[in-house]
Amino acid sequence: MVAALVVWWTVLAADDAAGALNTQGAVTLSVFAVAVWFWIFTDIDDTYVALGAAVLLVVMGVLPEKILFDSLGDDTVWLLLGSFVVAAGITASGLATRAAAFIVSGAKTPRQLMHLSGAALVATAFAVPSTSGRAALAMPVFLALASVLRDRSKLVLALALLFPSVILLSAVGSYLGAGAHLITSQILAASGFPAFSFTNWMFYGMPLAVVASVICVELILMLFTSADDRKQALTISVSDLQNHTTIPIRGRFTPDQVKTCWLVGGVILLWCTEPAHGIHPAIIALAGGLMMSSTGLGVVDLGKALKSVPWSLLIFMAATLAMGSALVTSGAAAWAANSMLGSIRGSGMGAGVLFVVIIVAISTAAHLVIQSRSARSAVLIPIVVSLAPEVGVSAVAAAFASTAAAGFCHTMSSSAKPMALYAKVDDAPTYSGRDLLRLSMWLAPISVALVLAFAFFIWPLLGMPLFVK
């Protein structure tokens, strides 16, 4: 296969009809194609594949070694590092579990319980980086609810679907909601376009996150509970939930929970007000992490917090940033965009509309072949950014729409880590592969339509136009 790829890029480099793809571009595409093949068809760790591909690009002279080394020190890596330390303090204090328990204990009907649970899950997007981290953080709440509602199996099944589904759909509301968001922003910056900040990502993403989550909750209620199930009254108290978890969720806040509440609130406030004070979000995250692990103010030991950091994710993100940079600088992304989607330019005035519809549809379906959300962005965003201006579409808006659409990954339990986590819960009725397919048949087209509606109508009203003159 390697020999065939070498022949392929050599021929392309010499073929004028290939659209002036140079040797470096052909080498980059070859290495990238191999990486995607390994991501799709093998069980080799995604980080291992990404790092190996980046190193190979350096060895072959396509990617300057400085870019690879600099990507490991990129500000997004430091932002995530500090955020994970803050998240470790939230987990250690039990604050998130307590807050969620308090919220859901106010539910009097199944619909209220589902929507209150969804609201609590949406809020976690601001405090915990990565969807898998949020899924793990919410698991004690789900287990407590499943125990309290053990005689209402359909409602527990609906909750089992709700937790990972809302976590995945609401991730778009926060810049830290998924590593793919940071990769998208960095690829835009590397391509000469404006990058996203914590504030403007939230401004555009949170409305979509809320609407998508509410629709998802209603869809799950419709598909997996009966009218009689929804009419039966609920009585869930904090005391009932406390009987099924060791995390303190009643009585007065513990000292650690009080400190965590103030620290997390301060960090989020500073992130949201970045335009006013100008402090870089990564510095805020690192300062918050230091305070969260300090002797007087903190609630968790720094060494323990650092052990909880998913270093594999950080290295994966750094490696894919370097690969994305190579795709852009070598001209490979532009050539691939023209080869795959260039015919759209012949569609006349409808070219931009057709382009947006196609990239949203592809981004939604991409989870069927590439399970990693970050890997999907590393593959798709350079191509989207390269072609968008040629069809009169804003590269920033197109990249955001593609990344938002990639938040749908519900078809199989293997499509996303939160779906896999809640599919294997002991002592609680959970979903099967058939349940996921049933949900996806409805949710996938709704998700596509929702992202397109925001891209064409809502985001332009908020200040992110889809089309450029």
Foldseek 3Di string as FASTA:
>chain_A
DLVVLQVVLVVLQPDVVLPNQHSLLSVLVSLLVVLLCCLFPHPPDNLVSLQVSLVVSCVVPLFPVVLLVVLLVDLVLLLLLLLLLLLVLCLLQCLLVLVLLVQLQPAWFLLSNLVSNLVSLLVCLLRHAELLSSLVSCVLVLQLVQVLVVVLQLSNQLVLLLNSLLLLLSNQLFCRSYLQSVLLQLLCVLLPHHGDARQVSNVQRRVRSSVLSSVLSVLSCVPRHDPVRRPDTDRHHSVSSVVRDVNDNDDDRDPSSVLSVVLSVVLSVCRNCCVPVVDHNSVSSNVSSCQCQDDPSHDHHNVVSSVSRPVSVSSSSSSLSSSSSSNNVSVNLLSVLCVPLVVLLVVPLCSLVVLLLVLLLCLLPVLVRRLGLNSSSSPRLSNLLNCNVVNQWHSSLSSSLSSSSNSRQQQACSSYVSSVVSQDDPPGDYDDNVVSNVSCVPSNVVSSVSSSCCSPPVVVVVPRHTGHD
